[in-house]
Protein backbone atom coordinates (compact mmCIF):
# COMPACT_ATOMS: atom_id res chain seq x y z
CA UNK A 1 0.00 0.00 0.00
CA UNK A 2 1.46 3.35 -0.95
CA UNK A 3 2.12 6.06 1.60
CA UNK A 4 -0.44 8.27 -0.13
CA UNK A 5 -3.16 5.63 0.14
CA UNK A 6 -2.22 4.91 3.75
CA UNK A 7 -2.40 8.63 4.54
CA UNK A 8 -5.77 8.84 2.83
CA UNK A 9 -7.06 5.97 4.98
CA UNK A 10 -5.75 7.77 8.09
CA UNK A 11 -7.59 10.96 7.06
CA UNK A 12 -10.84 9.06 6.45
CA UNK A 13 -10.56 7.35 9.81
CA UNK A 14 -9.94 10.75 11.45
CA UNK A 15 -13.03 12.22 9.80
CA UNK A 16 -15.14 9.27 10.90
CA UNK A 17 -13.87 9.39 14.48
CA UNK A 18 -14.16 13.15 14.87
CA UNK A 19 -17.57 13.32 13.20
CA UNK A 20 -16.72 16.69 11.69
CA UNK A 21 -16.52 16.86 7.91
CA UNK A 22 -15.37 20.47 7.58
CA UNK A 23 -12.44 21.65 5.46
CA UNK A 24 -10.35 22.73 8.48
CA UNK A 25 -10.89 19.31 10.10
CA UNK A 26 -9.96 17.61 6.82
CA UNK A 27 -6.75 19.64 6.66
CA UNK A 28 -6.00 18.91 10.30
CA UNK A 29 -6.50 15.18 9.61
CA UNK A 30 -4.13 15.39 6.64
CA UNK A 31 -1.45 17.05 8.79
CA UNK A 32 -1.86 14.47 11.56
CA UNK A 33 -1.73 11.65 8.98
CA UNK A 34 1.45 13.08 7.43
CA UNK A 35 3.08 13.43 10.86
CA UNK A 36 2.01 9.89 11.81
CA UNK A 37 3.45 8.45 8.62
CA UNK A 38 6.61 10.47 9.18
CA UNK A 39 7.02 8.84 12.58
CA UNK A 40 6.69 5.30 11.25
CA UNK A 41 8.31 5.78 7.83
CA UNK A 42 11.39 3.77 8.81
CA UNK A 43 9.16 0.74 9.42
CA UNK A 44 7.49 1.00 6.01
CA UNK A 45 9.66 -0.40 3.26
CA UNK A 46 9.16 1.24 -0.11
CA UNK A 47 8.88 -1.12 -3.04
CA UNK A 48 8.16 -3.99 -0.70
CA UNK A 49 5.01 -5.84 -1.68
CA UNK A 50 4.11 -6.33 1.94
CA UNK A 51 2.29 -3.74 3.93
CA UNK A 52 -1.15 -3.04 5.20
CA UNK A 53 -3.89 -5.36 3.98
CA UNK A 54 -7.15 -3.38 4.16
CA UNK A 55 -9.57 -6.32 4.57
CA UNK A 56 -7.40 -7.96 7.20
CA UNK A 57 -7.15 -4.61 9.00
CA UNK A 58 -10.94 -4.33 9.04
CA UNK A 59 -11.08 -7.90 10.36
CA UNK A 60 -8.66 -6.94 13.15
CA UNK A 61 -10.82 -3.91 14.03
CA UNK A 62 -13.96 -6.06 14.14
CA UNK A 63 -12.20 -8.62 16.34
CA UNK A 64 -11.17 -5.82 18.71
CA UNK A 65 -14.76 -4.53 18.92
CA UNK A 66 -16.00 -8.07 19.61
CA UNK A 67 -13.33 -8.72 22.28
CA UNK A 68 -13.97 -5.31 23.82
CA UNK A 69 -17.68 -6.07 24.21
CA UNK A 70 -17.14 -9.62 25.49
CA UNK A 71 -14.48 -8.68 28.03
CA UNK A 72 -16.44 -5.64 29.21
CA UNK A 73 -19.43 -7.91 29.81
CA UNK A 74 -17.24 -10.46 31.64
CA UNK A 75 -15.66 -7.81 33.87
CA UNK A 76 -19.08 -6.28 34.59
CA UNK A 77 -20.41 -9.69 35.66
CA UNK A 78 -17.39 -10.22 37.91
CA UNK A 79 -17.77 -6.82 39.56
CA UNK A 80 -21.45 -7.17 40.46
CA UNK A 81 -21.03 -10.57 42.09
CA UNK A 82 -21.32 -10.31 45.87
CA UNK A 83 -18.24 -12.48 46.28
CA UNK A 84 -15.56 -11.93 43.67
CA UNK A 85 -13.55 -15.08 43.11
CA UNK A 86 -10.63 -13.62 41.21
CA UNK A 87 -7.05 -14.69 40.84
CA UNK A 88 -5.26 -11.61 39.50
CA UNK A 89 -1.70 -11.96 38.35
CA UNK A 90 0.99 -11.27 35.79
CA UNK A 91 2.07 -13.80 33.19
CA UNK A 92 4.67 -13.89 30.41
CA UNK A 93 3.40 -14.18 26.85
CA UNK A 94 5.83 -15.31 24.13
CA UNK A 95 5.50 -13.00 21.15
CA UNK A 96 5.30 -14.15 17.56
CA UNK A 97 5.15 -10.62 16.15
CA UNK A 98 8.60 -9.04 15.74
CA UNK A 99 8.38 -5.45 14.55
CA UNK A 100 8.08 -2.63 17.08
CA UNK A 101 4.83 -1.43 15.49
CA UNK A 102 3.25 -4.88 15.76
CA UNK A 103 4.39 -5.34 19.37
CA UNK A 104 3.07 -1.89 20.33
CA UNK A 105 -0.25 -2.55 18.57
CA UNK A 106 -0.68 -5.91 20.31
CA UNK A 107 0.21 -4.41 23.69
CA UNK A 108 -2.26 -1.57 23.19
CA UNK A 109 -5.08 -3.86 22.06
CA UNK A 110 -4.54 -5.99 25.14
CA UNK A 111 -4.47 -2.92 27.40
CA UNK A 112 -7.63 -1.47 25.84
CA UNK A 113 -9.49 -4.72 26.49
CA UNK A 114 -11.06 -4.66 29.99
CA UNK A 115 -9.52 -7.09 32.46
CA UNK A 116 -6.04 -7.12 30.92
CA UNK A 117 -3.11 -4.74 30.92
CA UNK A 118 0.21 -4.93 29.12
CA UNK A 119 2.85 -4.28 31.75
CA UNK A 120 6.20 -4.56 29.98
CA UNK A 121 8.05 -5.93 26.98
CA UNK A 122 11.12 -8.05 27.63
CA UNK A 123 14.50 -6.61 26.64
CA UNK A 124 14.79 -9.23 23.90
CA UNK A 125 11.39 -8.08 22.49
CA UNK A 126 10.18 -11.70 22.52
CA UNK A 127 8.11 -11.59 25.71
CA UNK A 128 5.15 -9.44 26.71
CA UNK A 129 4.22 -9.30 30.38
CA UNK A 130 0.47 -9.05 30.90
CA UNK A 131 -1.56 -8.40 34.04
CA UNK A 132 -4.92 -10.14 34.02
CA UNK A 133 -7.80 -9.67 36.39
CA UNK A 134 -8.34 -13.43 36.45
CA UNK A 135 -5.40 -15.81 35.89
CA UNK A 136 -7.19 -19.06 36.67
CA UNK A 137 -6.59 -20.30 33.11
CA UNK A 138 -3.49 -18.54 31.79
CA UNK A 139 -2.99 -21.01 28.94
CA UNK A 140 -6.47 -20.28 27.58
CA UNK A 141 -5.75 -16.56 27.74
CA UNK A 142 -2.46 -17.07 25.89
CA UNK A 143 -4.19 -19.15 23.20
CA UNK A 144 -6.88 -16.49 22.87
CA UNK A 145 -4.27 -13.77 22.30
CA UNK A 146 -2.26 -15.91 19.85
CA UNK A 147 -5.29 -17.05 17.86
CA UNK A 148 -6.97 -13.66 18.02
CA UNK A 149 -5.12 -10.36 18.13
CA UNK A 150 -1.66 -11.62 17.27
CA UNK A 151 -2.77 -13.70 14.28
CA UNK A 152 -4.91 -10.84 12.95
CA UNK A 153 -2.04 -8.36 13.35
CA UNK A 154 0.26 -10.65 11.35
CA UNK A 155 -2.39 -10.98 8.65
CA UNK A 156 -3.08 -7.25 8.50
CA UNK A 157 0.54 -6.07 8.49
CA UNK A 158 2.27 -8.89 6.63
CA UNK A 159 5.77 -8.54 5.33
C-alpha atoms as a PDB file:
ATOM      1  CA  UNK A   1       0.000   0.000   0.000  1.00  0.00           C
ATOM      2  CA  UNK A   2       1.458   3.351  -0.954  1.00  0.00           C
ATOM      3  CA  UNK A   3       2.123   6.055   1.597  1.00  0.00           C
ATOM      4  CA  UNK A   4      -0.439   8.270  -0.133  1.00  0.00           C
ATOM      5  CA  UNK A   5      -3.165   5.633   0.143  1.00  0.00           C
ATOM      6  CA  UNK A   6      -2.215   4.909   3.755  1.00  0.00           C
ATOM      7  CA  UNK A   7      -2.399   8.630   4.541  1.00  0.00           C
ATOM      8  CA  UNK A   8      -5.773   8.839   2.830  1.00  0.00           C
ATOM      9  CA  UNK A   9      -7.058   5.967   4.983  1.00  0.00           C
ATOM     10  CA  UNK A  10      -5.750   7.772   8.092  1.00  0.00           C
ATOM     11  CA  UNK A  11      -7.592  10.958   7.060  1.00  0.00           C
ATOM     12  CA  UNK A  12     -10.843   9.064   6.447  1.00  0.00           C
ATOM     13  CA  UNK A  13     -10.561   7.354   9.815  1.00  0.00           C
ATOM     14  CA  UNK A  14      -9.939  10.746  11.447  1.00  0.00           C
ATOM     15  CA  UNK A  15     -13.028  12.222   9.795  1.00  0.00           C
ATOM     16  CA  UNK A  16     -15.144   9.267  10.899  1.00  0.00           C
ATOM     17  CA  UNK A  17     -13.870   9.385  14.482  1.00  0.00           C
ATOM     18  CA  UNK A  18     -14.158  13.150  14.868  1.00  0.00           C
ATOM     19  CA  UNK A  19     -17.573  13.315  13.196  1.00  0.00           C
ATOM     20  CA  UNK A  20     -16.717  16.693  11.692  1.00  0.00           C
ATOM     21  CA  UNK A  21     -16.517  16.865   7.909  1.00  0.00           C
ATOM     22  CA  UNK A  22     -15.373  20.467   7.577  1.00  0.00           C
ATOM     23  CA  UNK A  23     -12.440  21.646   5.457  1.00  0.00           C
ATOM     24  CA  UNK A  24     -10.352  22.734   8.481  1.00  0.00           C
ATOM     25  CA  UNK A  25     -10.886  19.315  10.100  1.00  0.00           C
ATOM     26  CA  UNK A  26      -9.964  17.605   6.821  1.00  0.00           C
ATOM     27  CA  UNK A  27      -6.752  19.638   6.656  1.00  0.00           C
ATOM     28  CA  UNK A  28      -5.999  18.909  10.298  1.00  0.00           C
ATOM     29  CA  UNK A  29      -6.501  15.183   9.615  1.00  0.00           C
ATOM     30  CA  UNK A  30      -4.134  15.389   6.644  1.00  0.00           C
ATOM     31  CA  UNK A  31      -1.454  17.054   8.789  1.00  0.00           C
ATOM     32  CA  UNK A  32      -1.860  14.474  11.555  1.00  0.00           C
ATOM     33  CA  UNK A  33      -1.728  11.648   8.982  1.00  0.00           C
ATOM     34  CA  UNK A  34       1.452  13.082   7.435  1.00  0.00           C
ATOM     35  CA  UNK A  35       3.077  13.430  10.861  1.00  0.00           C
ATOM     36  CA  UNK A  36       2.015   9.891  11.812  1.00  0.00           C
ATOM     37  CA  UNK A  37       3.450   8.447   8.618  1.00  0.00           C
ATOM     38  CA  UNK A  38       6.605  10.465   9.178  1.00  0.00           C
ATOM     39  CA  UNK A  39       7.016   8.845  12.585  1.00  0.00           C
ATOM     40  CA  UNK A  40       6.691   5.296  11.246  1.00  0.00           C
ATOM     41  CA  UNK A  41       8.309   5.784   7.835  1.00  0.00           C
ATOM     42  CA  UNK A  42      11.388   3.771   8.807  1.00  0.00           C
ATOM     43  CA  UNK A  43       9.160   0.740   9.422  1.00  0.00           C
ATOM     44  CA  UNK A  44       7.493   1.002   6.013  1.00  0.00           C
ATOM     45  CA  UNK A  45       9.664  -0.401   3.262  1.00  0.00           C
ATOM     46  CA  UNK A  46       9.163   1.241  -0.114  1.00  0.00           C
ATOM     47  CA  UNK A  47       8.882  -1.117  -3.040  1.00  0.00           C
ATOM     48  CA  UNK A  48       8.158  -3.991  -0.705  1.00  0.00           C
ATOM     49  CA  UNK A  49       5.015  -5.841  -1.680  1.00  0.00           C
ATOM     50  CA  UNK A  50       4.112  -6.330   1.940  1.00  0.00           C
ATOM     51  CA  UNK A  51       2.292  -3.736   3.928  1.00  0.00           C
ATOM     52  CA  UNK A  52      -1.155  -3.045   5.198  1.00  0.00           C
ATOM     53  CA  UNK A  53      -3.893  -5.364   3.976  1.00  0.00           C
ATOM     54  CA  UNK A  54      -7.152  -3.383   4.159  1.00  0.00           C
ATOM     55  CA  UNK A  55      -9.573  -6.321   4.568  1.00  0.00           C
ATOM     56  CA  UNK A  56      -7.401  -7.964   7.204  1.00  0.00           C
ATOM     57  CA  UNK A  57      -7.146  -4.613   9.003  1.00  0.00           C
ATOM     58  CA  UNK A  58     -10.940  -4.332   9.040  1.00  0.00           C
ATOM     59  CA  UNK A  59     -11.082  -7.902  10.357  1.00  0.00           C
ATOM     60  CA  UNK A  60      -8.662  -6.936  13.151  1.00  0.00           C
ATOM     61  CA  UNK A  61     -10.821  -3.911  14.031  1.00  0.00           C
ATOM     62  CA  UNK A  62     -13.960  -6.056  14.136  1.00  0.00           C
ATOM     63  CA  UNK A  63     -12.199  -8.617  16.339  1.00  0.00           C
ATOM     64  CA  UNK A  64     -11.172  -5.823  18.708  1.00  0.00           C
ATOM     65  CA  UNK A  65     -14.757  -4.530  18.924  1.00  0.00           C
ATOM     66  CA  UNK A  66     -15.996  -8.071  19.608  1.00  0.00           C
ATOM     67  CA  UNK A  67     -13.326  -8.718  22.277  1.00  0.00           C
ATOM     68  CA  UNK A  68     -13.973  -5.311  23.821  1.00  0.00           C
ATOM     69  CA  UNK A  69     -17.675  -6.071  24.206  1.00  0.00           C
ATOM     70  CA  UNK A  70     -17.137  -9.621  25.493  1.00  0.00           C
ATOM     71  CA  UNK A  71     -14.478  -8.677  28.030  1.00  0.00           C
ATOM     72  CA  UNK A  72     -16.439  -5.635  29.206  1.00  0.00           C
ATOM     73  CA  UNK A  73     -19.425  -7.910  29.809  1.00  0.00           C
ATOM     74  CA  UNK A  74     -17.244 -10.458  31.635  1.00  0.00           C
ATOM     75  CA  UNK A  75     -15.664  -7.808  33.868  1.00  0.00           C
ATOM     76  CA  UNK A  76     -19.082  -6.277  34.587  1.00  0.00           C
ATOM     77  CA  UNK A  77     -20.409  -9.686  35.657  1.00  0.00           C
ATOM     78  CA  UNK A  78     -17.391 -10.221  37.914  1.00  0.00           C
ATOM     79  CA  UNK A  79     -17.767  -6.825  39.561  1.00  0.00           C
ATOM     80  CA  UNK A  80     -21.447  -7.171  40.459  1.00  0.00           C
ATOM     81  CA  UNK A  81     -21.033 -10.570  42.092  1.00  0.00           C
ATOM     82  CA  UNK A  82     -21.319 -10.313  45.866  1.00  0.00           C
ATOM     83  CA  UNK A  83     -18.235 -12.478  46.283  1.00  0.00           C
ATOM     84  CA  UNK A  84     -15.565 -11.931  43.672  1.00  0.00           C
ATOM     85  CA  UNK A  85     -13.549 -15.081  43.115  1.00  0.00           C
ATOM     86  CA  UNK A  86     -10.629 -13.617  41.210  1.00  0.00           C
ATOM     87  CA  UNK A  87      -7.055 -14.693  40.835  1.00  0.00           C
ATOM     88  CA  UNK A  88      -5.263 -11.610  39.497  1.00  0.00           C
ATOM     89  CA  UNK A  89      -1.699 -11.958  38.348  1.00  0.00           C
ATOM     90  CA  UNK A  90       0.986 -11.273  35.790  1.00  0.00           C
ATOM     91  CA  UNK A  91       2.069 -13.796  33.186  1.00  0.00           C
ATOM     92  CA  UNK A  92       4.667 -13.894  30.414  1.00  0.00           C
ATOM     93  CA  UNK A  93       3.399 -14.176  26.850  1.00  0.00           C
ATOM     94  CA  UNK A  94       5.831 -15.313  24.135  1.00  0.00           C
ATOM     95  CA  UNK A  95       5.503 -13.002  21.150  1.00  0.00           C
ATOM     96  CA  UNK A  96       5.300 -14.147  17.558  1.00  0.00           C
ATOM     97  CA  UNK A  97       5.151 -10.617  16.146  1.00  0.00           C
ATOM     98  CA  UNK A  98       8.595  -9.045  15.744  1.00  0.00           C
ATOM     99  CA  UNK A  99       8.378  -5.454  14.548  1.00  0.00           C
ATOM    100  CA  UNK A 100       8.082  -2.631  17.081  1.00  0.00           C
ATOM    101  CA  UNK A 101       4.832  -1.429  15.486  1.00  0.00           C
ATOM    102  CA  UNK A 102       3.247  -4.877  15.765  1.00  0.00           C
ATOM    103  CA  UNK A 103       4.386  -5.344  19.373  1.00  0.00           C
ATOM    104  CA  UNK A 104       3.072  -1.891  20.325  1.00  0.00           C
ATOM    105  CA  UNK A 105      -0.249  -2.550  18.570  1.00  0.00           C
ATOM    106  CA  UNK A 106      -0.684  -5.908  20.315  1.00  0.00           C
ATOM    107  CA  UNK A 107       0.211  -4.409  23.695  1.00  0.00           C
ATOM    108  CA  UNK A 108      -2.256  -1.566  23.187  1.00  0.00           C
ATOM    109  CA  UNK A 109      -5.079  -3.857  22.056  1.00  0.00           C
ATOM    110  CA  UNK A 110      -4.537  -5.992  25.144  1.00  0.00           C
ATOM    111  CA  UNK A 111      -4.472  -2.916  27.396  1.00  0.00           C
ATOM    112  CA  UNK A 112      -7.628  -1.469  25.840  1.00  0.00           C
ATOM    113  CA  UNK A 113      -9.486  -4.718  26.494  1.00  0.00           C
ATOM    114  CA  UNK A 114     -11.056  -4.662  29.986  1.00  0.00           C
ATOM    115  CA  UNK A 115      -9.521  -7.089  32.458  1.00  0.00           C
ATOM    116  CA  UNK A 116      -6.040  -7.124  30.920  1.00  0.00           C
ATOM    117  CA  UNK A 117      -3.111  -4.740  30.924  1.00  0.00           C
ATOM    118  CA  UNK A 118       0.214  -4.930  29.117  1.00  0.00           C
ATOM    119  CA  UNK A 119       2.847  -4.279  31.749  1.00  0.00           C
ATOM    120  CA  UNK A 120       6.201  -4.562  29.977  1.00  0.00           C
ATOM    121  CA  UNK A 121       8.048  -5.931  26.981  1.00  0.00           C
ATOM    122  CA  UNK A 122      11.121  -8.055  27.627  1.00  0.00           C
ATOM    123  CA  UNK A 123      14.498  -6.607  26.644  1.00  0.00           C
ATOM    124  CA  UNK A 124      14.792  -9.234  23.901  1.00  0.00           C
ATOM    125  CA  UNK A 125      11.395  -8.080  22.488  1.00  0.00           C
ATOM    126  CA  UNK A 126      10.181 -11.698  22.524  1.00  0.00           C
ATOM    127  CA  UNK A 127       8.108 -11.588  25.709  1.00  0.00           C
ATOM    128  CA  UNK A 128       5.153  -9.435  26.708  1.00  0.00           C
ATOM    129  CA  UNK A 129       4.216  -9.302  30.377  1.00  0.00           C
ATOM    130  CA  UNK A 130       0.469  -9.047  30.902  1.00  0.00           C
ATOM    131  CA  UNK A 131      -1.563  -8.403  34.039  1.00  0.00           C
ATOM    132  CA  UNK A 132      -4.922 -10.136  34.018  1.00  0.00           C
ATOM    133  CA  UNK A 133      -7.804  -9.670  36.394  1.00  0.00           C
ATOM    134  CA  UNK A 134      -8.337 -13.426  36.446  1.00  0.00           C
ATOM    135  CA  UNK A 135      -5.404 -15.810  35.887  1.00  0.00           C
ATOM    136  CA  UNK A 136      -7.189 -19.057  36.666  1.00  0.00           C
ATOM    137  CA  UNK A 137      -6.590 -20.298  33.105  1.00  0.00           C
ATOM    138  CA  UNK A 138      -3.495 -18.535  31.792  1.00  0.00           C
ATOM    139  CA  UNK A 139      -2.995 -21.014  28.941  1.00  0.00           C
ATOM    140  CA  UNK A 140      -6.469 -20.284  27.581  1.00  0.00           C
ATOM    141  CA  UNK A 141      -5.752 -16.555  27.739  1.00  0.00           C
ATOM    142  CA  UNK A 142      -2.457 -17.066  25.893  1.00  0.00           C
ATOM    143  CA  UNK A 143      -4.193 -19.154  23.204  1.00  0.00           C
ATOM    144  CA  UNK A 144      -6.879 -16.486  22.870  1.00  0.00           C
ATOM    145  CA  UNK A 145      -4.266 -13.769  22.299  1.00  0.00           C
ATOM    146  CA  UNK A 146      -2.264 -15.906  19.855  1.00  0.00           C
ATOM    147  CA  UNK A 147      -5.290 -17.046  17.857  1.00  0.00           C
ATOM    148  CA  UNK A 148      -6.968 -13.655  18.019  1.00  0.00           C
ATOM    149  CA  UNK A 149      -5.123 -10.356  18.130  1.00  0.00           C
ATOM    150  CA  UNK A 150      -1.664 -11.623  17.266  1.00  0.00           C
ATOM    151  CA  UNK A 151      -2.768 -13.699  14.277  1.00  0.00           C
ATOM    152  CA  UNK A 152      -4.913 -10.839  12.947  1.00  0.00           C
ATOM    153  CA  UNK A 153      -2.036  -8.362  13.346  1.00  0.00           C
ATOM    154  CA  UNK A 154       0.257 -10.646  11.346  1.00  0.00           C
ATOM    155  CA  UNK A 155      -2.393 -10.982   8.654  1.00  0.00           C
ATOM    156  CA  UNK A 156      -3.080  -7.251   8.496  1.00  0.00           C
ATOM    157  CA  UNK A 157       0.539  -6.074   8.489  1.00  0.00           C
ATOM    158  CA  UNK A 158       2.269  -8.886   6.634  1.00  0.00           C
ATOM    159  CA  UNK A 159       5.770  -8.542   5.331  1.00  0.00           C
END
